[in-house]
Amino acid sequence: QVQLVESGGGLVQAGGSLSLSCAASGYAFSMSTKAWFRQAPGKEREFVAGISWNGGRTYYADSVKGRFTVSRDNAKNTVYLQMTSLKPEDTAVYYCAAGPVTTASIALPEAYRYWGQGTQVTVSS
């Protein structure tokens, strides 16, 4: 049984920082692409950041480039999202996703096979 469990969400003031973690079990974690998506109320789920299976390549949405950093530790079966300079518009439920995804599809939620339950991030102004 595959499980992805996010943690680290919470409430932070604008300009602050938060770190999210996503721990995987029951899955060949080390061989798959990982990504973070987010979904705000009334909006579609959107791509935030992605990382290749060995961490050699990372990808970011323009809205978070320079502020967020995605990384992974395959030995711990965990992927991370370090978020800095947070803005109120970053408020959303953040989800981690995993799967055998190609670079061309890394930003497409339908390309991912496994999803976590989500963790709320709220940025106050």
N, C-alpha and C. Protein backbone atom coordinates (compact mmCIF):
# COMPACT_ATOMS: atom_id res chain seq x y z
N GLN A 1 0.84 -1.19 0.00
CA GLN A 1 0.00 0.00 0.00
C GLN A 1 0.88 1.24 0.00
N VAL A 2 0.69 2.09 -0.98
CA VAL A 2 1.49 3.29 -1.11
C VAL A 2 0.89 4.41 -0.26
N GLN A 3 1.75 5.07 0.47
CA GLN A 3 1.31 6.22 1.26
C GLN A 3 2.29 7.36 1.12
N LEU A 4 1.75 8.54 0.91
CA LEU A 4 2.51 9.78 0.94
C LEU A 4 1.90 10.64 2.03
N VAL A 5 2.71 11.04 2.99
CA VAL A 5 2.19 11.79 4.13
C VAL A 5 2.93 13.11 4.25
N GLU A 6 2.19 14.21 4.04
CA GLU A 6 2.78 15.54 4.16
C GLU A 6 2.73 16.01 5.61
N SER A 7 3.67 16.88 5.95
CA SER A 7 3.67 17.52 7.25
C SER A 7 4.37 18.86 7.14
N GLY A 8 4.16 19.71 8.15
CA GLY A 8 4.88 20.97 8.20
C GLY A 8 4.07 22.20 7.85
N GLY A 9 2.82 22.03 7.46
CA GLY A 9 2.00 23.19 7.17
C GLY A 9 1.67 23.96 8.43
N GLY A 10 1.06 25.13 8.22
CA GLY A 10 0.67 25.94 9.37
C GLY A 10 0.36 27.35 8.97
N LEU A 11 0.32 28.21 9.99
CA LEU A 11 0.03 29.63 9.80
C LEU A 11 1.30 30.43 9.97
N VAL A 12 1.54 31.34 9.04
CA VAL A 12 2.75 32.17 9.09
C VAL A 12 2.41 33.55 8.56
N GLN A 13 3.12 34.54 9.03
CA GLN A 13 2.92 35.89 8.53
C GLN A 13 3.62 36.08 7.19
N ALA A 14 3.13 37.01 6.42
CA ALA A 14 3.76 37.32 5.14
C ALA A 14 5.23 37.66 5.36
N GLY A 15 6.06 37.13 4.49
CA GLY A 15 7.50 37.32 4.62
C GLY A 15 8.19 36.22 5.39
N GLY A 16 7.40 35.37 6.02
CA GLY A 16 7.95 34.28 6.81
C GLY A 16 8.30 33.06 5.98
N SER A 17 8.69 31.99 6.70
CA SER A 17 9.13 30.76 6.04
C SER A 17 8.44 29.55 6.66
N LEU A 18 8.31 28.52 5.85
CA LEU A 18 7.80 27.23 6.30
C LEU A 18 8.51 26.14 5.51
N SER A 19 8.63 24.98 6.13
CA SER A 19 9.19 23.82 5.44
C SER A 19 8.18 22.69 5.47
N LEU A 20 7.93 22.12 4.32
CA LEU A 20 7.04 20.97 4.21
C LEU A 20 7.86 19.71 3.95
N SER A 21 7.36 18.60 4.46
CA SER A 21 7.97 17.31 4.21
C SER A 21 6.91 16.35 3.69
N CYS A 22 7.36 15.39 2.90
CA CYS A 22 6.46 14.36 2.39
C CYS A 22 7.20 13.03 2.48
N ALA A 23 6.72 12.19 3.37
CA ALA A 23 7.34 10.88 3.58
C ALA A 23 6.56 9.82 2.82
N ALA A 24 7.29 8.97 2.12
CA ALA A 24 6.67 7.93 1.30
C ALA A 24 6.94 6.55 1.88
N SER A 25 5.98 5.68 1.68
CA SER A 25 6.15 4.28 2.07
C SER A 25 5.42 3.39 1.08
N GLY A 26 5.89 2.14 0.98
CA GLY A 26 5.23 1.18 0.11
C GLY A 26 5.39 1.47 -1.36
N TYR A 27 6.48 2.14 -1.72
CA TYR A 27 6.63 2.58 -3.10
C TYR A 27 8.10 2.70 -3.44
N ALA A 28 8.42 2.48 -4.70
CA ALA A 28 9.80 2.64 -5.16
C ALA A 28 10.13 4.12 -5.25
N PHE A 29 10.19 4.73 -4.11
CA PHE A 29 10.32 6.18 -4.04
C PHE A 29 11.52 6.70 -4.80
N SER A 30 12.63 6.00 -4.66
CA SER A 30 13.88 6.54 -5.19
C SER A 30 13.88 6.63 -6.71
N MET A 31 13.00 5.90 -7.38
CA MET A 31 13.04 5.86 -8.84
C MET A 31 11.96 6.72 -9.49
N SER A 32 11.30 7.55 -8.73
CA SER A 32 10.19 8.30 -9.30
C SER A 32 10.38 9.80 -9.18
N THR A 33 9.74 10.50 -10.07
CA THR A 33 9.67 11.95 -10.00
C THR A 33 8.74 12.34 -8.85
N LYS A 34 9.10 13.42 -8.18
CA LYS A 34 8.27 13.95 -7.09
C LYS A 34 7.91 15.40 -7.40
N ALA A 35 6.77 15.80 -6.90
CA ALA A 35 6.34 17.18 -7.13
C ALA A 35 5.47 17.65 -5.99
N TRP A 36 5.38 18.96 -5.90
CA TRP A 36 4.46 19.62 -4.99
C TRP A 36 3.45 20.40 -5.83
N PHE A 37 2.20 20.26 -5.47
CA PHE A 37 1.12 21.04 -6.05
C PHE A 37 0.39 21.76 -4.92
N ARG A 38 -0.43 22.73 -5.29
CA ARG A 38 -1.24 23.39 -4.29
C ARG A 38 -2.60 23.73 -4.88
N GLN A 39 -3.55 23.86 -3.98
CA GLN A 39 -4.91 24.19 -4.41
C GLN A 39 -5.53 25.14 -3.41
N ALA A 40 -5.87 26.32 -3.89
CA ALA A 40 -6.55 27.32 -3.08
C ALA A 40 -8.05 27.18 -3.27
N PRO A 41 -8.84 27.64 -2.32
CA PRO A 41 -10.30 27.53 -2.44
C PRO A 41 -10.81 28.14 -3.74
N GLY A 42 -11.62 27.38 -4.45
CA GLY A 42 -12.21 27.87 -5.68
C GLY A 42 -11.29 27.88 -6.88
N LYS A 43 -10.08 27.35 -6.71
CA LYS A 43 -9.12 27.33 -7.82
C LYS A 43 -8.71 25.91 -8.15
N GLU A 44 -8.15 25.75 -9.32
CA GLU A 44 -7.67 24.44 -9.74
C GLU A 44 -6.33 24.14 -9.06
N ARG A 45 -6.04 22.85 -8.97
CA ARG A 45 -4.75 22.45 -8.43
C ARG A 45 -3.65 22.91 -9.39
N GLU A 46 -2.61 23.50 -8.83
CA GLU A 46 -1.53 24.02 -9.67
C GLU A 46 -0.17 23.48 -9.24
N PHE A 47 0.69 23.37 -10.22
CA PHE A 47 2.06 22.90 -10.00
C PHE A 47 2.85 23.96 -9.24
N VAL A 48 3.65 23.49 -8.28
CA VAL A 48 4.51 24.38 -7.52
C VAL A 48 5.98 24.10 -7.82
N ALA A 49 6.38 22.85 -7.65
CA ALA A 49 7.79 22.48 -7.85
C ALA A 49 7.88 20.98 -8.09
N GLY A 50 8.93 20.58 -8.83
CA GLY A 50 9.15 19.17 -9.08
C GLY A 50 10.64 18.86 -9.04
N ILE A 51 10.95 17.58 -8.84
CA ILE A 51 12.33 17.16 -8.74
C ILE A 51 12.48 15.78 -9.36
N SER A 52 13.57 15.61 -10.12
CA SER A 52 13.80 14.34 -10.79
C SER A 52 14.16 13.25 -9.78
N TRP A 53 14.21 12.00 -10.27
CA TRP A 53 14.36 10.87 -9.35
C TRP A 53 15.64 10.92 -8.53
N ASN A 54 16.69 11.50 -9.09
CA ASN A 54 17.96 11.56 -8.36
C ASN A 54 18.25 12.95 -7.81
N GLY A 55 17.29 13.85 -7.94
CA GLY A 55 17.48 15.20 -7.43
C GLY A 55 18.33 16.08 -8.32
N GLY A 56 18.72 15.55 -9.48
CA GLY A 56 19.62 16.30 -10.34
C GLY A 56 18.97 17.48 -11.04
N ARG A 57 17.65 17.42 -11.21
CA ARG A 57 16.95 18.50 -11.88
C ARG A 57 15.73 18.92 -11.07
N THR A 58 15.56 20.21 -10.99
CA THR A 58 14.41 20.76 -10.29
C THR A 58 13.65 21.71 -11.20
N TYR A 59 12.38 21.87 -10.93
CA TYR A 59 11.50 22.68 -11.76
C TYR A 59 10.58 23.48 -10.84
N TYR A 60 10.30 24.70 -11.23
CA TYR A 60 9.49 25.56 -10.39
C TYR A 60 8.47 26.34 -11.22
N ALA A 61 7.32 26.58 -10.61
CA ALA A 61 6.38 27.52 -11.20
C ALA A 61 6.97 28.92 -11.10
N ASP A 62 6.66 29.76 -12.07
CA ASP A 62 7.21 31.12 -12.08
C ASP A 62 6.85 31.87 -10.80
N SER A 63 5.68 31.58 -10.25
CA SER A 63 5.20 32.31 -9.08
C SER A 63 6.01 32.03 -7.82
N VAL A 64 6.77 30.94 -7.81
CA VAL A 64 7.53 30.60 -6.60
C VAL A 64 9.03 30.57 -6.85
N LYS A 65 9.45 30.77 -8.07
CA LYS A 65 10.87 30.69 -8.40
C LYS A 65 11.65 31.73 -7.60
N GLY A 66 12.74 31.29 -7.02
CA GLY A 66 13.56 32.17 -6.21
C GLY A 66 13.13 32.23 -4.75
N ARG A 67 11.94 31.71 -4.44
CA ARG A 67 11.45 31.73 -3.05
C ARG A 67 11.32 30.33 -2.46
N PHE A 68 11.00 29.35 -3.30
CA PHE A 68 10.81 27.97 -2.84
C PHE A 68 11.95 27.11 -3.34
N THR A 69 12.28 26.08 -2.56
CA THR A 69 13.31 25.12 -2.94
C THR A 69 12.81 23.71 -2.67
N VAL A 70 12.86 22.87 -3.70
CA VAL A 70 12.46 21.47 -3.56
C VAL A 70 13.72 20.63 -3.47
N SER A 71 13.67 19.62 -2.61
CA SER A 71 14.81 18.71 -2.47
C SER A 71 14.28 17.34 -2.05
N ARG A 72 15.15 16.36 -2.09
CA ARG A 72 14.73 15.02 -1.71
C ARG A 72 15.86 14.27 -1.07
N ASP A 73 15.51 13.33 -0.21
CA ASP A 73 16.47 12.44 0.42
C ASP A 73 15.95 11.02 0.19
N ASN A 74 16.51 10.35 -0.79
CA ASN A 74 16.01 9.01 -1.14
C ASN A 74 16.27 8.01 -0.03
N ALA A 75 17.31 8.22 0.75
CA ALA A 75 17.60 7.30 1.86
C ALA A 75 16.50 7.36 2.92
N LYS A 76 15.85 8.52 3.03
CA LYS A 76 14.77 8.70 3.99
C LYS A 76 13.40 8.63 3.33
N ASN A 77 13.37 8.37 2.03
CA ASN A 77 12.09 8.33 1.29
C ASN A 77 11.27 9.59 1.52
N THR A 78 11.94 10.74 1.47
CA THR A 78 11.28 11.99 1.81
C THR A 78 11.63 13.07 0.79
N VAL A 79 10.63 13.87 0.46
CA VAL A 79 10.84 15.04 -0.38
C VAL A 79 10.43 16.27 0.44
N TYR A 80 11.12 17.37 0.22
CA TYR A 80 10.94 18.57 1.02
C TYR A 80 10.58 19.77 0.13
N LEU A 81 9.92 20.73 0.73
CA LEU A 81 9.67 22.01 0.07
C LEU A 81 9.96 23.11 1.09
N GLN A 82 11.04 23.82 0.86
CA GLN A 82 11.40 24.94 1.70
C GLN A 82 10.80 26.19 1.09
N MET A 83 9.97 26.89 1.86
CA MET A 83 9.27 28.06 1.35
C MET A 83 9.71 29.30 2.14
N THR A 84 10.18 30.30 1.44
CA THR A 84 10.60 31.55 2.07
C THR A 84 9.86 32.72 1.42
N SER A 85 9.97 33.88 2.06
CA SER A 85 9.32 35.10 1.56
C SER A 85 7.87 34.82 1.18
N LEU A 86 7.17 34.16 2.06
CA LEU A 86 5.79 33.75 1.77
C LEU A 86 4.87 34.94 1.62
N LYS A 87 3.90 34.79 0.73
CA LYS A 87 2.92 35.82 0.42
C LYS A 87 1.52 35.29 0.71
N PRO A 88 0.57 36.18 0.96
CA PRO A 88 -0.79 35.71 1.18
C PRO A 88 -1.32 34.85 0.03
N GLU A 89 -0.89 35.13 -1.18
CA GLU A 89 -1.36 34.34 -2.32
C GLU A 89 -0.77 32.93 -2.36
N ASP A 90 0.16 32.63 -1.47
CA ASP A 90 0.67 31.26 -1.34
C ASP A 90 -0.26 30.40 -0.49
N THR A 91 -1.27 30.99 0.11
CA THR A 91 -2.20 30.24 0.94
C THR A 91 -2.94 29.20 0.11
N ALA A 92 -2.85 27.94 0.56
CA ALA A 92 -3.46 26.83 -0.16
C ALA A 92 -3.24 25.55 0.62
N VAL A 93 -3.88 24.50 0.16
CA VAL A 93 -3.53 23.16 0.62
C VAL A 93 -2.43 22.66 -0.31
N TYR A 94 -1.35 22.21 0.27
CA TYR A 94 -0.20 21.74 -0.50
C TYR A 94 -0.18 20.21 -0.50
N TYR A 95 0.01 19.65 -1.68
CA TYR A 95 0.02 18.21 -1.87
C TYR A 95 1.34 17.76 -2.47
N CYS A 96 1.84 16.63 -2.01
CA CYS A 96 2.96 16.02 -2.71
C CYS A 96 2.42 14.91 -3.60
N ALA A 97 3.14 14.67 -4.67
CA ALA A 97 2.74 13.68 -5.66
C ALA A 97 3.95 12.93 -6.14
N ALA A 98 3.73 11.70 -6.57
CA ALA A 98 4.84 10.87 -7.04
C ALA A 98 4.38 9.99 -8.19
N GLY A 99 5.33 9.64 -9.04
CA GLY A 99 5.00 8.75 -10.13
C GLY A 99 6.09 8.73 -11.18
N PRO A 100 5.97 7.82 -12.13
CA PRO A 100 6.94 7.73 -13.24
C PRO A 100 6.62 8.79 -14.30
N VAL A 101 6.93 10.03 -13.98
CA VAL A 101 6.54 11.17 -14.80
C VAL A 101 7.73 11.68 -15.59
N THR A 102 7.50 11.96 -16.85
CA THR A 102 8.56 12.52 -17.69
C THR A 102 8.67 14.02 -17.45
N THR A 103 9.78 14.57 -17.89
CA THR A 103 10.00 16.01 -17.74
C THR A 103 8.89 16.82 -18.41
N ALA A 104 8.45 16.34 -19.58
CA ALA A 104 7.43 17.07 -20.33
C ALA A 104 6.12 17.16 -19.57
N SER A 105 5.88 16.23 -18.66
CA SER A 105 4.59 16.17 -17.96
C SER A 105 4.70 16.55 -16.50
N ILE A 106 5.82 17.05 -16.07
CA ILE A 106 6.06 17.22 -14.65
C ILE A 106 5.09 18.19 -14.00
N ALA A 107 4.55 19.11 -14.74
CA ALA A 107 3.63 20.09 -14.16
C ALA A 107 2.16 19.69 -14.29
N LEU A 108 1.88 18.51 -14.79
CA LEU A 108 0.51 18.07 -15.03
C LEU A 108 0.05 17.16 -13.91
N PRO A 109 -0.95 17.56 -13.13
CA PRO A 109 -1.39 16.71 -12.01
C PRO A 109 -1.89 15.34 -12.47
N GLU A 110 -2.47 15.26 -13.65
CA GLU A 110 -3.00 13.98 -14.13
C GLU A 110 -1.90 12.96 -14.43
N ALA A 111 -0.65 13.42 -14.49
CA ALA A 111 0.46 12.52 -14.78
C ALA A 111 0.92 11.72 -13.55
N TYR A 112 0.48 12.13 -12.38
CA TYR A 112 0.98 11.50 -11.15
C TYR A 112 0.04 10.41 -10.66
N ARG A 113 0.64 9.35 -10.20
CA ARG A 113 -0.11 8.18 -9.76
C ARG A 113 -0.49 8.24 -8.28
N TYR A 114 0.39 8.84 -7.48
CA TYR A 114 0.18 8.81 -6.04
C TYR A 114 0.16 10.22 -5.48
N TRP A 115 -0.72 10.42 -4.49
CA TRP A 115 -0.90 11.72 -3.87
C TRP A 115 -0.97 11.60 -2.36
N GLY A 116 -0.47 12.62 -1.69
CA GLY A 116 -0.67 12.72 -0.26
C GLY A 116 -2.02 13.34 0.05
N GLN A 117 -2.32 13.45 1.33
CA GLN A 117 -3.62 13.94 1.77
C GLN A 117 -3.67 15.47 1.82
N GLY A 118 -2.53 16.11 1.76
CA GLY A 118 -2.48 17.57 1.75
C GLY A 118 -2.21 18.15 3.13
N THR A 119 -1.58 19.31 3.14
CA THR A 119 -1.33 20.04 4.38
C THR A 119 -1.62 21.52 4.12
N GLN A 120 -2.32 22.16 5.05
CA GLN A 120 -2.74 23.54 4.87
C GLN A 120 -1.59 24.50 5.17
N VAL A 121 -1.40 25.44 4.27
CA VAL A 121 -0.47 26.55 4.49
C VAL A 121 -1.28 27.84 4.40
N THR A 122 -1.23 28.63 5.45
CA THR A 122 -1.96 29.89 5.48
C THR A 122 -0.98 31.02 5.77
N VAL A 123 -0.96 32.01 4.89
CA VAL A 123 -0.08 33.14 5.04
C VAL A 123 -0.93 34.38 5.30
N SER A 124 -0.75 34.98 6.45
CA SER A 124 -1.53 36.16 6.82
C SER A 124 -0.80 37.43 6.39
N SER A 125 -1.58 38.44 6.07
CA SER A 125 -0.98 39.70 5.60
C SER A 125 -0.72 40.65 6.75
